Every structure is written in structure tokens, then in C-alpha cells.
Amino acid sequence: MDSAGLVVRFVDKARRTLDGQIFDIIDYTFEVSRAGEQCMVNVGITGGWHDEIADLHRKLTREELVEAARKWLESRINKGYDPLLAPSPERVMTIPSGVMDFYVNHWNIPDYV
């Protein structure tokens, strides 16, 4: 990705934990970098989206989930979010369920969010 010179690279995925509390969210971690600066951003997808999707009659693949998380992050960047300038708590986000519902039907993030 080259919006504002940012490069986004998928690193790993893990269940979200915060202060010892476990959430029903899987975080997809991306390294975001620009000109020698870098940070990690977690994009969460709630657990239900890792089960079989009724409209598809199957589960989303790992690649499809990573791509959904990447597209969400890139849509935020395209709307002015710069993770390198954001405070650490703002480097953790969750894709709203309505956006995921749109995504599995259109394979894209809606422009209006």
C-alpha cells in the first residue's frame, strides 16, 4: 500500500487479550512502516466471523480474513488515520460486524464508513 507512503505488511494473528482478559476477537497484526519508522496495528475480527458464514455456506479462509483486516486498515488510512502518529491505544481496532457483513457479500469495505 502506498497511501501517504505507508507500507502495510501482515505479521500474525492471535486472540485478543487485554490486562489478562480474553476477548472473542481475533487480532490480525500488521506492521505499518514509512521511511524507517514502524509500528504494529491490531485489526480485530469478532469470533463469529471465524465460523461458517450462512451466506457463503462455508468458513472464511485465513487468507480471506487477513485480506478483510488489511482492507479495513487501508480504508482507515485512506480516510486520514496515520498509525505512526496515533497513540498506542488507537493502534487496536475492531471491524464492525455490519462492515464484515458487507465485506462477505461484496469482498470490499464500503466507502461510506
C-alpha atoms as a PDB file:
ATOM      1  CA  MET A   1       0.000   0.000   0.000  1.00  0.00           C
ATOM      2  CA  ASP A   2       1.267   3.482  -0.742  1.00  0.00           C
ATOM      3  CA  SER A   3      -1.277   5.863   0.839  1.00  0.00           C
ATOM      4  CA  ALA A   4       0.817   8.615   2.434  1.00  0.00           C
ATOM      5  CA  GLY A   5       3.900   6.469   1.817  1.00  0.00           C
ATOM      6  CA  LEU A   6       2.801   3.821   4.313  1.00  0.00           C
ATOM      7  CA  VAL A   7       3.644   0.157   3.769  1.00  0.00           C
ATOM      8  CA  VAL A   8       1.350  -2.423   5.403  1.00  0.00           C
ATOM      9  CA  ARG A   9       2.563  -5.993   5.981  1.00  0.00           C
ATOM     10  CA  PHE A  10       0.680  -8.832   7.717  1.00  0.00           C
ATOM     11  CA  VAL A  11       2.636 -10.310  10.632  1.00  0.00           C
ATOM     12  CA  ASP A  12       0.482 -12.712  12.662  1.00  0.00           C
ATOM     13  CA  LYS A  13      -2.879 -13.384  14.288  1.00  0.00           C
ATOM     14  CA  ALA A  14      -3.812 -14.091  17.901  1.00  0.00           C
ATOM     15  CA  ARG A  15      -6.780 -13.982  20.254  1.00  0.00           C
ATOM     16  CA  ARG A  16      -7.198 -10.526  21.783  1.00  0.00           C
ATOM     17  CA  THR A  17      -6.171 -10.254  25.415  1.00  0.00           C
ATOM     18  CA  LEU A  18      -6.039  -7.105  27.489  1.00  0.00           C
ATOM     19  CA  ASP A  19      -4.985  -6.916  31.123  1.00  0.00           C
ATOM     20  CA  GLY A  20      -5.376 -10.695  31.432  1.00  0.00           C
ATOM     21  CA  GLN A  21      -8.886 -10.639  29.966  1.00  0.00           C
ATOM     22  CA  ILE A  22      -9.566 -12.798  26.883  1.00  0.00           C
ATOM     23  CA  PHE A  23     -11.973 -11.498  24.235  1.00  0.00           C
ATOM     24  CA  ASP A  24     -13.919 -13.273  21.473  1.00  0.00           C
ATOM     25  CA  ILE A  25     -11.893 -11.356  18.907  1.00  0.00           C
ATOM     26  CA  ILE A  26      -9.008 -12.498  16.738  1.00  0.00           C
ATOM     27  CA  ASP A  27      -6.477  -9.737  16.121  1.00  0.00           C
ATOM     28  CA  TYR A  28      -4.677  -9.635  12.798  1.00  0.00           C
ATOM     29  CA  THR A  29      -1.398  -7.815  13.400  1.00  0.00           C
ATOM     30  CA  PHE A  30       0.125  -5.637  10.702  1.00  0.00           C
ATOM     31  CA  GLU A  31       3.430  -3.841  10.624  1.00  0.00           C
ATOM     32  CA  VAL A  32       2.953  -0.355   9.234  1.00  0.00           C
ATOM     33  CA  SER A  33       6.084   1.483   8.155  1.00  0.00           C
ATOM     34  CA  ARG A  34       7.272   4.620   6.406  1.00  0.00           C
ATOM     35  CA  ALA A  35      10.817   5.898   5.928  1.00  0.00           C
ATOM     36  CA  GLY A  36      12.397   3.887   8.747  1.00  0.00           C
ATOM     37  CA  GLU A  37       9.542   4.372  11.227  1.00  0.00           C
ATOM     38  CA  GLN A  38       7.312   1.440  12.064  1.00  0.00           C
ATOM     39  CA  CYS A  39       4.589   0.322  14.437  1.00  0.00           C
ATOM     40  CA  MET A  40       2.244  -2.622  14.895  1.00  0.00           C
ATOM     41  CA  VAL A  41      -1.514  -2.299  14.420  1.00  0.00           C
ATOM     42  CA  ASN A  42      -4.042  -4.928  15.506  1.00  0.00           C
ATOM     43  CA  VAL A  43      -7.240  -5.240  13.490  1.00  0.00           C
ATOM     44  CA  GLY A  44      -9.796  -7.404  15.267  1.00  0.00           C
ATOM     45  CA  ILE A  45     -12.471  -9.602  13.740  1.00  0.00           C
ATOM     46  CA  THR A  46     -15.051 -10.988  16.161  1.00  0.00           C
ATOM     47  CA  GLY A  47     -15.181 -14.734  16.717  1.00  0.00           C
ATOM     48  CA  GLY A  48     -18.448 -15.350  14.876  1.00  0.00           C
ATOM     49  CA  TRP A  49     -16.824 -14.431  11.560  1.00  0.00           C
ATOM     50  CA  HIS A  50     -14.450 -17.367  12.033  1.00  0.00           C
ATOM     51  CA  ASP A  51     -17.396 -19.808  11.989  1.00  0.00           C
ATOM     52  CA  GLU A  52     -19.369 -20.929   8.956  1.00  0.00           C
ATOM     53  CA  ILE A  53     -20.972 -17.969   7.179  1.00  0.00           C
ATOM     54  CA  ALA A  54     -24.569 -18.759   6.224  1.00  0.00           C
ATOM     55  CA  ASP A  55     -24.491 -16.681   3.009  1.00  0.00           C
ATOM     56  CA  LEU A  56     -21.347 -18.496   1.836  1.00  0.00           C
ATOM     57  CA  HIS A  57     -22.147 -21.978   3.214  1.00  0.00           C
ATOM     58  CA  ARG A  58     -18.548 -22.193   4.411  1.00  0.00           C
ATOM     59  CA  LYS A  59     -15.970 -20.617   6.696  1.00  0.00           C
ATOM     60  CA  LEU A  60     -13.804 -17.760   5.502  1.00  0.00           C
ATOM     61  CA  THR A  61     -10.253 -18.876   4.756  1.00  0.00           C
ATOM     62  CA  ARG A  62      -7.295 -17.490   6.666  1.00  0.00           C
ATOM     63  CA  GLU A  63      -6.334 -15.518   3.552  1.00  0.00           C
ATOM     64  CA  GLU A  64      -9.836 -14.016   3.246  1.00  0.00           C
ATOM     65  CA  LEU A  65      -9.788 -12.954   6.919  1.00  0.00           C
ATOM     66  CA  VAL A  66      -6.329 -11.400   6.565  1.00  0.00           C
ATOM     67  CA  GLU A  67      -7.486  -9.581   3.440  1.00  0.00           C
ATOM     68  CA  ALA A  68     -10.604  -8.252   5.233  1.00  0.00           C
ATOM     69  CA  ALA A  69      -8.432  -6.945   8.079  1.00  0.00           C
ATOM     70  CA  ARG A  70      -5.954  -5.417   5.630  1.00  0.00           C
ATOM     71  CA  LYS A  71      -8.703  -3.701   3.638  1.00  0.00           C
ATOM     72  CA  TRP A  72     -10.222  -2.293   6.838  1.00  0.00           C
ATOM     73  CA  LEU A  73      -6.855  -0.902   7.950  1.00  0.00           C
ATOM     74  CA  GLU A  74      -6.173   0.528   4.497  1.00  0.00           C
ATOM     75  CA  SER A  75      -9.648   2.130   4.419  1.00  0.00           C
ATOM     76  CA  ARG A  76      -8.874   3.854   7.733  1.00  0.00           C
ATOM     77  CA  ILE A  77      -5.507   5.054   6.388  1.00  0.00           C
ATOM     78  CA  ASN A  78      -7.177   6.353   3.211  1.00  0.00           C
ATOM     79  CA  LYS A  79      -9.536   8.386   5.424  1.00  0.00           C
ATOM     80  CA  GLY A  80      -6.624  10.082   7.214  1.00  0.00           C
ATOM     81  CA  TYR A  81      -5.685   7.679  10.023  1.00  0.00           C
ATOM     82  CA  ASP A  82      -1.898   7.536  10.419  1.00  0.00           C
ATOM     83  CA  PRO A  83      -0.939   4.754  12.844  1.00  0.00           C
ATOM     84  CA  LEU A  84       2.595   6.120  13.147  1.00  0.00           C
ATOM     85  CA  LEU A  85       1.165   9.311  14.651  1.00  0.00           C
ATOM     86  CA  ALA A  86      -1.599   7.626  16.674  1.00  0.00           C
ATOM     87  CA  PRO A  87      -1.253   6.930  20.394  1.00  0.00           C
ATOM     88  CA  SER A  88      -0.787   3.257  21.229  1.00  0.00           C
ATOM     89  CA  PRO A  89      -4.435   2.548  22.255  1.00  0.00           C
ATOM     90  CA  GLU A  90      -5.604   3.747  18.835  1.00  0.00           C
ATOM     91  CA  ARG A  91      -3.471   1.066  17.182  1.00  0.00           C
ATOM     92  CA  VAL A  92      -6.056  -1.537  18.184  1.00  0.00           C
ATOM     93  CA  MET A  93      -9.296  -1.535  16.212  1.00  0.00           C
ATOM     94  CA  THR A  94     -12.168  -3.916  15.511  1.00  0.00           C
ATOM     95  CA  ILE A  95     -14.045  -4.237  12.239  1.00  0.00           C
ATOM     96  CA  PRO A  96     -17.743  -3.546  12.944  1.00  0.00           C
ATOM     97  CA  SER A  97     -19.992  -6.554  12.280  1.00  0.00           C
ATOM     98  CA  GLY A  98     -22.019  -4.584   9.732  1.00  0.00           C
ATOM     99  CA  VAL A  99     -18.850  -3.902   7.759  1.00  0.00           C
ATOM    100  CA  MET A 100     -17.902  -7.597   7.852  1.00  0.00           C
ATOM    101  CA  ASP A 101     -21.402  -8.497   6.666  1.00  0.00           C
ATOM    102  CA  PHE A 102     -20.972  -6.108   3.728  1.00  0.00           C
ATOM    103  CA  TYR A 103     -17.473  -7.473   3.093  1.00  0.00           C
ATOM    104  CA  VAL A 104     -18.532 -11.127   2.751  1.00  0.00           C
ATOM    105  CA  ASN A 105     -21.210 -10.115   0.261  1.00  0.00           C
ATOM    106  CA  HIS A 106     -19.110  -7.676  -1.818  1.00  0.00           C
ATOM    107  CA  TRP A 107     -15.477  -8.529  -0.939  1.00  0.00           C
ATOM    108  CA  ASN A 108     -14.807  -4.878  -0.273  1.00  0.00           C
ATOM    109  CA  ILE A 109     -15.110  -2.304   2.517  1.00  0.00           C
ATOM    110  CA  PRO A 110     -17.956   0.173   1.942  1.00  0.00           C
ATOM    111  CA  ASP A 111     -16.814   3.710   1.112  1.00  0.00           C
ATOM    112  CA  TYR A 112     -19.362   5.336   3.416  1.00  0.00           C
ATOM    113  CA  VAL A 113     -17.656   4.214   6.681  1.00  0.00           C
END
